[in-house]
N, C-alpha and C. Protein backbone atom coordinates (compact mmCIF):
# COMPACT_ATOMS: atom_id res chain seq x y z
N MET A 1 -57.51 -25.27 91.52
CA MET A 1 -57.07 -25.44 92.89
C MET A 1 -58.27 -25.35 93.83
N SER A 2 -58.25 -26.14 94.86
CA SER A 2 -59.34 -26.20 95.84
C SER A 2 -59.29 -24.98 96.75
N ASN A 3 -60.46 -24.53 97.21
CA ASN A 3 -60.46 -23.42 98.16
C ASN A 3 -60.51 -23.96 99.58
N ASN A 4 -60.27 -23.10 100.55
CA ASN A 4 -60.21 -23.50 101.95
C ASN A 4 -61.51 -24.09 102.47
N TYR A 5 -62.66 -23.75 101.85
CA TYR A 5 -63.94 -24.21 102.37
C TYR A 5 -64.19 -25.68 102.10
N THR A 6 -63.51 -26.27 101.11
CA THR A 6 -63.71 -27.68 100.81
C THR A 6 -62.56 -28.54 101.32
N MET A 7 -61.58 -27.96 101.96
CA MET A 7 -60.45 -28.71 102.47
C MET A 7 -60.74 -29.24 103.87
N SER A 8 -60.12 -30.37 104.19
CA SER A 8 -60.20 -30.87 105.56
C SER A 8 -59.48 -29.86 106.46
N PRO A 9 -59.74 -29.88 107.77
CA PRO A 9 -59.07 -28.92 108.66
C PRO A 9 -57.54 -28.97 108.55
N PHE A 10 -56.98 -30.17 108.43
CA PHE A 10 -55.52 -30.28 108.31
C PHE A 10 -55.02 -29.52 107.08
N TRP A 11 -55.58 -29.82 105.93
CA TRP A 11 -55.10 -29.20 104.69
C TRP A 11 -55.44 -27.73 104.63
N LYS A 12 -56.54 -27.32 105.24
CA LYS A 12 -56.88 -25.90 105.32
C LYS A 12 -55.80 -25.16 106.11
N ASN A 13 -55.38 -25.73 107.24
CA ASN A 13 -54.33 -25.10 108.05
C ASN A 13 -52.99 -25.11 107.34
N VAL A 14 -52.69 -26.19 106.63
CA VAL A 14 -51.44 -26.24 105.84
C VAL A 14 -51.49 -25.14 104.79
N ASN A 15 -52.61 -25.02 104.09
CA ASN A 15 -52.74 -24.00 103.05
C ASN A 15 -52.56 -22.59 103.62
N GLU A 16 -53.20 -22.33 104.76
CA GLU A 16 -53.05 -21.00 105.37
C GLU A 16 -51.61 -20.73 105.77
N GLU A 17 -50.93 -21.74 106.30
CA GLU A 17 -49.54 -21.55 106.71
C GLU A 17 -48.63 -21.37 105.50
N LEU A 18 -48.90 -22.10 104.43
CA LEU A 18 -48.13 -21.91 103.19
C LEU A 18 -48.26 -20.47 102.70
N GLN A 19 -49.49 -19.96 102.69
CA GLN A 19 -49.72 -18.58 102.27
C GLN A 19 -48.99 -17.61 103.19
N TYR A 20 -49.08 -17.84 104.50
CA TYR A 20 -48.43 -16.96 105.48
C TYR A 20 -46.91 -16.93 105.27
N GLN A 21 -46.33 -18.12 105.01
CA GLN A 21 -44.88 -18.21 104.85
C GLN A 21 -44.42 -17.89 103.43
N GLY A 22 -45.38 -17.65 102.53
CA GLY A 22 -45.02 -17.36 101.14
C GLY A 22 -44.42 -18.57 100.44
N MET A 23 -44.86 -19.76 100.82
CA MET A 23 -44.33 -21.00 100.26
C MET A 23 -45.39 -21.61 99.35
N ASN A 24 -44.94 -22.30 98.31
CA ASN A 24 -45.89 -22.98 97.44
C ASN A 24 -45.81 -24.49 97.65
N ILE A 25 -46.71 -25.22 97.01
CA ILE A 25 -46.79 -26.67 97.18
C ILE A 25 -45.53 -27.37 96.66
N LYS A 26 -44.98 -26.87 95.56
CA LYS A 26 -43.75 -27.48 95.03
C LYS A 26 -42.62 -27.40 96.05
N THR A 27 -42.49 -26.28 96.71
CA THR A 27 -41.44 -26.12 97.72
C THR A 27 -41.70 -27.03 98.91
N LEU A 28 -42.96 -27.09 99.36
CA LEU A 28 -43.30 -27.99 100.46
C LEU A 28 -42.97 -29.43 100.09
N SER A 29 -43.30 -29.81 98.88
CA SER A 29 -43.01 -31.16 98.40
C SER A 29 -41.51 -31.43 98.42
N ALA A 30 -40.74 -30.49 97.91
CA ALA A 30 -39.29 -30.67 97.87
C ALA A 30 -38.68 -30.75 99.27
N LEU A 31 -39.15 -29.91 100.19
CA LEU A 31 -38.58 -29.88 101.54
C LEU A 31 -38.98 -31.08 102.39
N THR A 32 -40.16 -31.63 102.12
CA THR A 32 -40.64 -32.77 102.91
C THR A 32 -40.31 -34.11 102.27
N GLY A 33 -40.08 -34.12 100.96
CA GLY A 33 -39.89 -35.37 100.25
C GLY A 33 -41.20 -36.06 99.95
N ILE A 34 -42.31 -35.37 100.18
CA ILE A 34 -43.64 -35.91 99.90
C ILE A 34 -43.97 -35.57 98.44
N PRO A 35 -44.42 -36.56 97.66
CA PRO A 35 -44.75 -36.25 96.26
C PRO A 35 -45.77 -35.12 96.14
N TYR A 36 -45.55 -34.29 95.15
CA TYR A 36 -46.45 -33.16 94.87
C TYR A 36 -47.89 -33.63 94.74
N THR A 37 -48.09 -34.75 94.05
CA THR A 37 -49.45 -35.25 93.84
C THR A 37 -50.11 -35.70 95.15
N THR A 38 -49.33 -36.21 96.08
CA THR A 38 -49.89 -36.60 97.38
C THR A 38 -50.45 -35.37 98.10
N ILE A 39 -49.70 -34.29 98.05
CA ILE A 39 -50.14 -33.05 98.71
C ILE A 39 -51.37 -32.48 98.00
N THR A 40 -51.33 -32.39 96.67
CA THR A 40 -52.48 -31.80 95.96
C THR A 40 -53.72 -32.69 96.07
N ASN A 41 -53.54 -34.00 96.03
CA ASN A 41 -54.70 -34.89 96.19
C ASN A 41 -55.31 -34.73 97.58
N GLY A 42 -54.48 -34.61 98.60
CA GLY A 42 -54.96 -34.40 99.96
C GLY A 42 -55.73 -33.10 100.09
N ARG A 43 -55.20 -32.06 99.50
CA ARG A 43 -55.84 -30.75 99.58
C ARG A 43 -57.18 -30.71 98.86
N ASN A 44 -57.34 -31.54 97.84
CA ASN A 44 -58.55 -31.50 97.02
C ASN A 44 -59.67 -32.40 97.52
N ARG A 45 -59.43 -33.16 98.56
CA ARG A 45 -60.47 -34.04 99.10
C ARG A 45 -60.91 -33.53 100.47
N PRO A 46 -62.19 -33.18 100.64
CA PRO A 46 -62.67 -32.63 101.91
C PRO A 46 -62.48 -33.55 103.11
N ASP A 47 -62.47 -34.86 102.88
CA ASP A 47 -62.35 -35.81 104.00
C ASP A 47 -60.94 -36.36 104.15
N SER A 48 -59.98 -35.77 103.49
CA SER A 48 -58.62 -36.29 103.48
C SER A 48 -57.89 -36.03 104.80
N ILE A 49 -57.37 -37.12 105.36
CA ILE A 49 -56.53 -37.04 106.56
C ILE A 49 -55.20 -37.69 106.19
N PRO A 50 -54.09 -36.99 106.38
CA PRO A 50 -52.80 -37.56 105.98
C PRO A 50 -52.37 -38.68 106.92
N THR A 51 -51.45 -39.51 106.44
CA THR A 51 -50.86 -40.51 107.30
C THR A 51 -49.98 -39.79 108.33
N ALA A 52 -49.65 -40.49 109.40
CA ALA A 52 -48.85 -39.89 110.47
C ALA A 52 -47.51 -39.39 109.96
N ASP A 53 -46.85 -40.17 109.12
CA ASP A 53 -45.54 -39.75 108.64
C ASP A 53 -45.63 -38.51 107.75
N VAL A 54 -46.67 -38.40 106.94
CA VAL A 54 -46.87 -37.21 106.10
C VAL A 54 -47.14 -35.99 106.98
N ALA A 55 -48.04 -36.14 107.94
CA ALA A 55 -48.37 -35.03 108.84
C ALA A 55 -47.15 -34.54 109.61
N LEU A 56 -46.33 -35.47 110.09
CA LEU A 56 -45.13 -35.08 110.85
C LEU A 56 -44.12 -34.36 109.98
N LYS A 57 -43.91 -34.84 108.77
CA LYS A 57 -42.96 -34.17 107.86
C LYS A 57 -43.41 -32.75 107.56
N ILE A 58 -44.70 -32.59 107.30
CA ILE A 58 -45.23 -31.25 107.00
C ILE A 58 -45.13 -30.35 108.23
N SER A 59 -45.45 -30.88 109.41
CA SER A 59 -45.39 -30.05 110.62
C SER A 59 -43.97 -29.59 110.89
N LYS A 60 -42.99 -30.45 110.63
CA LYS A 60 -41.59 -30.07 110.85
C LYS A 60 -41.15 -28.98 109.88
N VAL A 61 -41.49 -29.13 108.60
CA VAL A 61 -41.08 -28.14 107.60
C VAL A 61 -41.76 -26.80 107.85
N LEU A 62 -43.03 -26.82 108.21
CA LEU A 62 -43.76 -25.57 108.45
C LEU A 62 -43.51 -25.01 109.85
N ASN A 63 -42.81 -25.80 110.68
CA ASN A 63 -42.53 -25.39 112.06
C ASN A 63 -43.82 -25.11 112.82
N LYS A 64 -44.78 -26.02 112.65
CA LYS A 64 -46.07 -25.94 113.34
C LYS A 64 -46.33 -27.26 114.03
N SER A 65 -47.01 -27.22 115.16
CA SER A 65 -47.33 -28.44 115.89
C SER A 65 -48.40 -29.24 115.15
N LEU A 66 -48.41 -30.53 115.40
CA LEU A 66 -49.48 -31.37 114.86
C LEU A 66 -50.83 -30.89 115.36
N GLU A 67 -50.90 -30.51 116.63
CA GLU A 67 -52.15 -30.02 117.19
C GLU A 67 -52.69 -28.85 116.37
N TRP A 68 -51.82 -27.92 116.04
CA TRP A 68 -52.25 -26.75 115.29
C TRP A 68 -52.70 -27.14 113.89
N LEU A 69 -51.92 -27.98 113.23
CA LEU A 69 -52.27 -28.37 111.87
C LEU A 69 -53.57 -29.17 111.81
N LEU A 70 -53.77 -30.06 112.77
CA LEU A 70 -54.97 -30.90 112.75
C LEU A 70 -56.23 -30.09 113.03
N GLY A 71 -56.16 -29.23 114.00
CA GLY A 71 -57.28 -28.34 114.26
C GLY A 71 -58.53 -29.00 114.81
N GLU A 72 -58.55 -30.29 114.90
CA GLU A 72 -59.70 -31.00 115.46
C GLU A 72 -59.24 -32.40 115.85
N SER A 73 -60.09 -33.11 116.56
CA SER A 73 -59.76 -34.45 117.04
C SER A 73 -59.89 -35.47 115.92
N VAL A 74 -58.75 -36.01 115.51
CA VAL A 74 -58.74 -37.06 114.50
C VAL A 74 -57.66 -38.07 114.84
N LEU A 75 -57.83 -39.27 114.38
CA LEU A 75 -56.79 -40.29 114.49
C LEU A 75 -56.13 -40.41 113.13
N LEU A 76 -54.82 -40.35 113.10
CA LEU A 76 -54.12 -40.46 111.84
C LEU A 76 -53.84 -41.93 111.53
N PRO A 77 -54.10 -42.36 110.31
CA PRO A 77 -53.76 -43.73 109.96
C PRO A 77 -52.25 -43.87 109.81
N LYS A 78 -51.73 -45.06 110.07
CA LYS A 78 -50.31 -45.31 109.86
C LYS A 78 -50.08 -45.56 108.38
N SER A 79 -48.93 -45.14 107.92
CA SER A 79 -48.57 -45.39 106.55
C SER A 79 -48.13 -46.84 106.40
N ASN A 80 -48.46 -47.44 105.29
CA ASN A 80 -48.00 -48.80 105.02
C ASN A 80 -46.54 -48.81 104.59
N GLU A 81 -46.04 -47.65 104.19
CA GLU A 81 -44.69 -47.58 103.65
C GLU A 81 -43.62 -47.48 104.72
N THR A 82 -43.90 -46.79 105.81
CA THR A 82 -42.90 -46.61 106.85
C THR A 82 -43.52 -46.81 108.21
N ASP A 83 -42.72 -47.28 109.14
CA ASP A 83 -43.20 -47.43 110.51
C ASP A 83 -43.08 -46.11 111.24
N VAL A 84 -44.02 -45.83 112.10
CA VAL A 84 -43.99 -44.63 112.92
C VAL A 84 -43.25 -45.00 114.19
N SER A 85 -42.25 -44.22 114.56
CA SER A 85 -41.46 -44.54 115.75
C SER A 85 -42.30 -44.43 117.00
N SER A 86 -41.82 -45.04 118.08
CA SER A 86 -42.58 -44.98 119.33
C SER A 86 -42.70 -43.55 119.83
N ASN A 87 -41.71 -42.71 119.57
CA ASN A 87 -41.79 -41.30 119.95
C ASN A 87 -42.94 -40.61 119.20
N GLU A 88 -43.05 -40.89 117.92
CA GLU A 88 -44.13 -40.29 117.14
C GLU A 88 -45.49 -40.84 117.59
N GLU A 89 -45.53 -42.13 117.94
CA GLU A 89 -46.77 -42.71 118.48
C GLU A 89 -47.16 -42.00 119.76
N ASN A 90 -46.16 -41.71 120.60
CA ASN A 90 -46.40 -41.02 121.86
C ASN A 90 -46.97 -39.62 121.59
N VAL A 91 -46.43 -38.93 120.60
CA VAL A 91 -46.93 -37.61 120.23
C VAL A 91 -48.38 -37.72 119.78
N LEU A 92 -48.70 -38.72 118.98
CA LEU A 92 -50.06 -38.88 118.50
C LEU A 92 -51.02 -39.23 119.64
N GLN A 93 -50.57 -40.05 120.60
CA GLN A 93 -51.40 -40.37 121.75
C GLN A 93 -51.69 -39.12 122.57
N LYS A 94 -50.65 -38.30 122.79
CA LYS A 94 -50.84 -37.06 123.53
C LYS A 94 -51.75 -36.10 122.78
N LEU A 95 -51.61 -36.06 121.47
CA LEU A 95 -52.46 -35.21 120.65
C LEU A 95 -53.92 -35.62 120.79
N ASN A 96 -54.19 -36.90 120.72
CA ASN A 96 -55.57 -37.38 120.86
C ASN A 96 -56.11 -37.12 122.25
N LEU A 97 -55.26 -37.26 123.27
CA LEU A 97 -55.68 -36.97 124.64
C LEU A 97 -55.99 -35.48 124.78
N TYR A 98 -55.14 -34.64 124.22
CA TYR A 98 -55.38 -33.19 124.25
C TYR A 98 -56.74 -32.87 123.62
N HIS A 99 -57.00 -33.44 122.45
CA HIS A 99 -58.26 -33.15 121.78
C HIS A 99 -59.46 -33.63 122.59
N LYS A 100 -59.28 -34.72 123.33
CA LYS A 100 -60.37 -35.24 124.15
C LYS A 100 -60.76 -34.22 125.23
N TYR A 101 -59.78 -33.52 125.78
CA TYR A 101 -60.03 -32.59 126.88
C TYR A 101 -59.82 -31.13 126.48
N GLU A 102 -59.82 -30.84 125.20
CA GLU A 102 -59.54 -29.49 124.71
C GLU A 102 -60.50 -28.44 125.27
N ARG A 103 -61.80 -28.76 125.32
CA ARG A 103 -62.78 -27.79 125.85
C ARG A 103 -62.51 -27.48 127.32
N LEU A 104 -62.18 -28.49 128.09
CA LEU A 104 -61.87 -28.30 129.50
C LEU A 104 -60.63 -27.42 129.66
N ILE A 105 -59.60 -27.71 128.89
CA ILE A 105 -58.35 -26.94 128.97
C ILE A 105 -58.60 -25.48 128.58
N THR A 106 -59.33 -25.27 127.51
CA THR A 106 -59.63 -23.91 127.06
C THR A 106 -60.42 -23.16 128.12
N SER A 107 -61.40 -23.83 128.70
CA SER A 107 -62.20 -23.22 129.75
C SER A 107 -61.34 -22.84 130.95
N LEU A 108 -60.46 -23.75 131.35
CA LEU A 108 -59.58 -23.47 132.49
C LEU A 108 -58.63 -22.30 132.22
N GLU A 109 -58.15 -22.20 130.98
CA GLU A 109 -57.23 -21.12 130.63
C GLU A 109 -57.89 -19.75 130.79
N ASN A 110 -59.20 -19.70 130.71
CA ASN A 110 -59.94 -18.44 130.83
C ASN A 110 -60.32 -18.11 132.27
N ARG A 111 -59.90 -18.93 133.21
CA ARG A 111 -60.21 -18.73 134.62
C ARG A 111 -59.01 -18.12 135.34
N SER A 112 -59.27 -17.66 136.55
CA SER A 112 -58.19 -17.06 137.36
C SER A 112 -57.21 -18.14 137.79
N VAL A 113 -56.03 -17.72 138.17
CA VAL A 113 -55.01 -18.65 138.66
C VAL A 113 -55.52 -19.38 139.89
N ARG A 114 -56.26 -18.67 140.72
CA ARG A 114 -56.82 -19.29 141.92
C ARG A 114 -57.78 -20.43 141.56
N THR A 115 -58.64 -20.20 140.58
CA THR A 115 -59.57 -21.24 140.14
C THR A 115 -58.82 -22.40 139.49
N GLN A 116 -57.82 -22.08 138.68
CA GLN A 116 -57.02 -23.13 138.04
C GLN A 116 -56.35 -24.01 139.09
N THR A 117 -55.77 -23.38 140.11
CA THR A 117 -55.10 -24.12 141.18
C THR A 117 -56.08 -24.99 141.95
N ALA A 118 -57.25 -24.43 142.24
CA ALA A 118 -58.28 -25.20 142.95
C ALA A 118 -58.70 -26.41 142.13
N PHE A 119 -58.86 -26.24 140.83
CA PHE A 119 -59.24 -27.34 139.97
C PHE A 119 -58.16 -28.42 139.93
N ILE A 120 -56.92 -28.00 139.80
CA ILE A 120 -55.81 -28.96 139.77
C ILE A 120 -55.73 -29.72 141.08
N ASN A 121 -55.92 -29.02 142.20
CA ASN A 121 -55.90 -29.70 143.51
C ASN A 121 -57.05 -30.70 143.61
N LEU A 122 -58.22 -30.32 143.12
CA LEU A 122 -59.37 -31.23 143.14
C LEU A 122 -59.11 -32.45 142.26
N ALA A 123 -58.61 -32.24 141.07
CA ALA A 123 -58.33 -33.35 140.17
C ALA A 123 -57.26 -34.27 140.75
N THR A 124 -56.26 -33.70 141.39
CA THR A 124 -55.21 -34.51 142.04
C THR A 124 -55.78 -35.33 143.17
N ALA A 125 -56.63 -34.72 143.98
CA ALA A 125 -57.25 -35.44 145.11
C ALA A 125 -58.12 -36.59 144.60
N ILE A 126 -58.87 -36.36 143.54
CA ILE A 126 -59.71 -37.41 142.97
C ILE A 126 -58.87 -38.55 142.42
N SER A 127 -57.78 -38.21 141.75
CA SER A 127 -56.94 -39.26 141.13
C SER A 127 -56.21 -40.09 142.18
N GLU A 128 -56.06 -39.58 143.39
CA GLU A 128 -55.37 -40.31 144.45
C GLU A 128 -56.30 -41.22 145.24
N GLU A 129 -57.60 -41.16 144.96
CA GLU A 129 -58.56 -42.00 145.69
C GLU A 129 -58.46 -43.44 145.26
């Protein structure tokens, strides 16, 4: 079995959540309908990024957001087997937008409410120009 240091961020986070929930890969496979080999192959490749449908199924079963599972800015490829609904596309677009501005958001969260409000007012004024 692969260790967390060679897993992609997505699979590392899935592995940590499986351990936290006391769940194994067979159970995850059964609950998601994703073949066991798909999950183990993904976990064993450091550059592995799951398709959107696989990532969404896993996030739903683990009750974790895609943002949390991905852990970094990545674009998920579409599966050739199933179409991703427009709602799921919207989630992926928002996820990518979040990752684009993640440092800014984190920085703002560490500021006072007064500073946050001033920044929002400034950004609103700029966007209205």
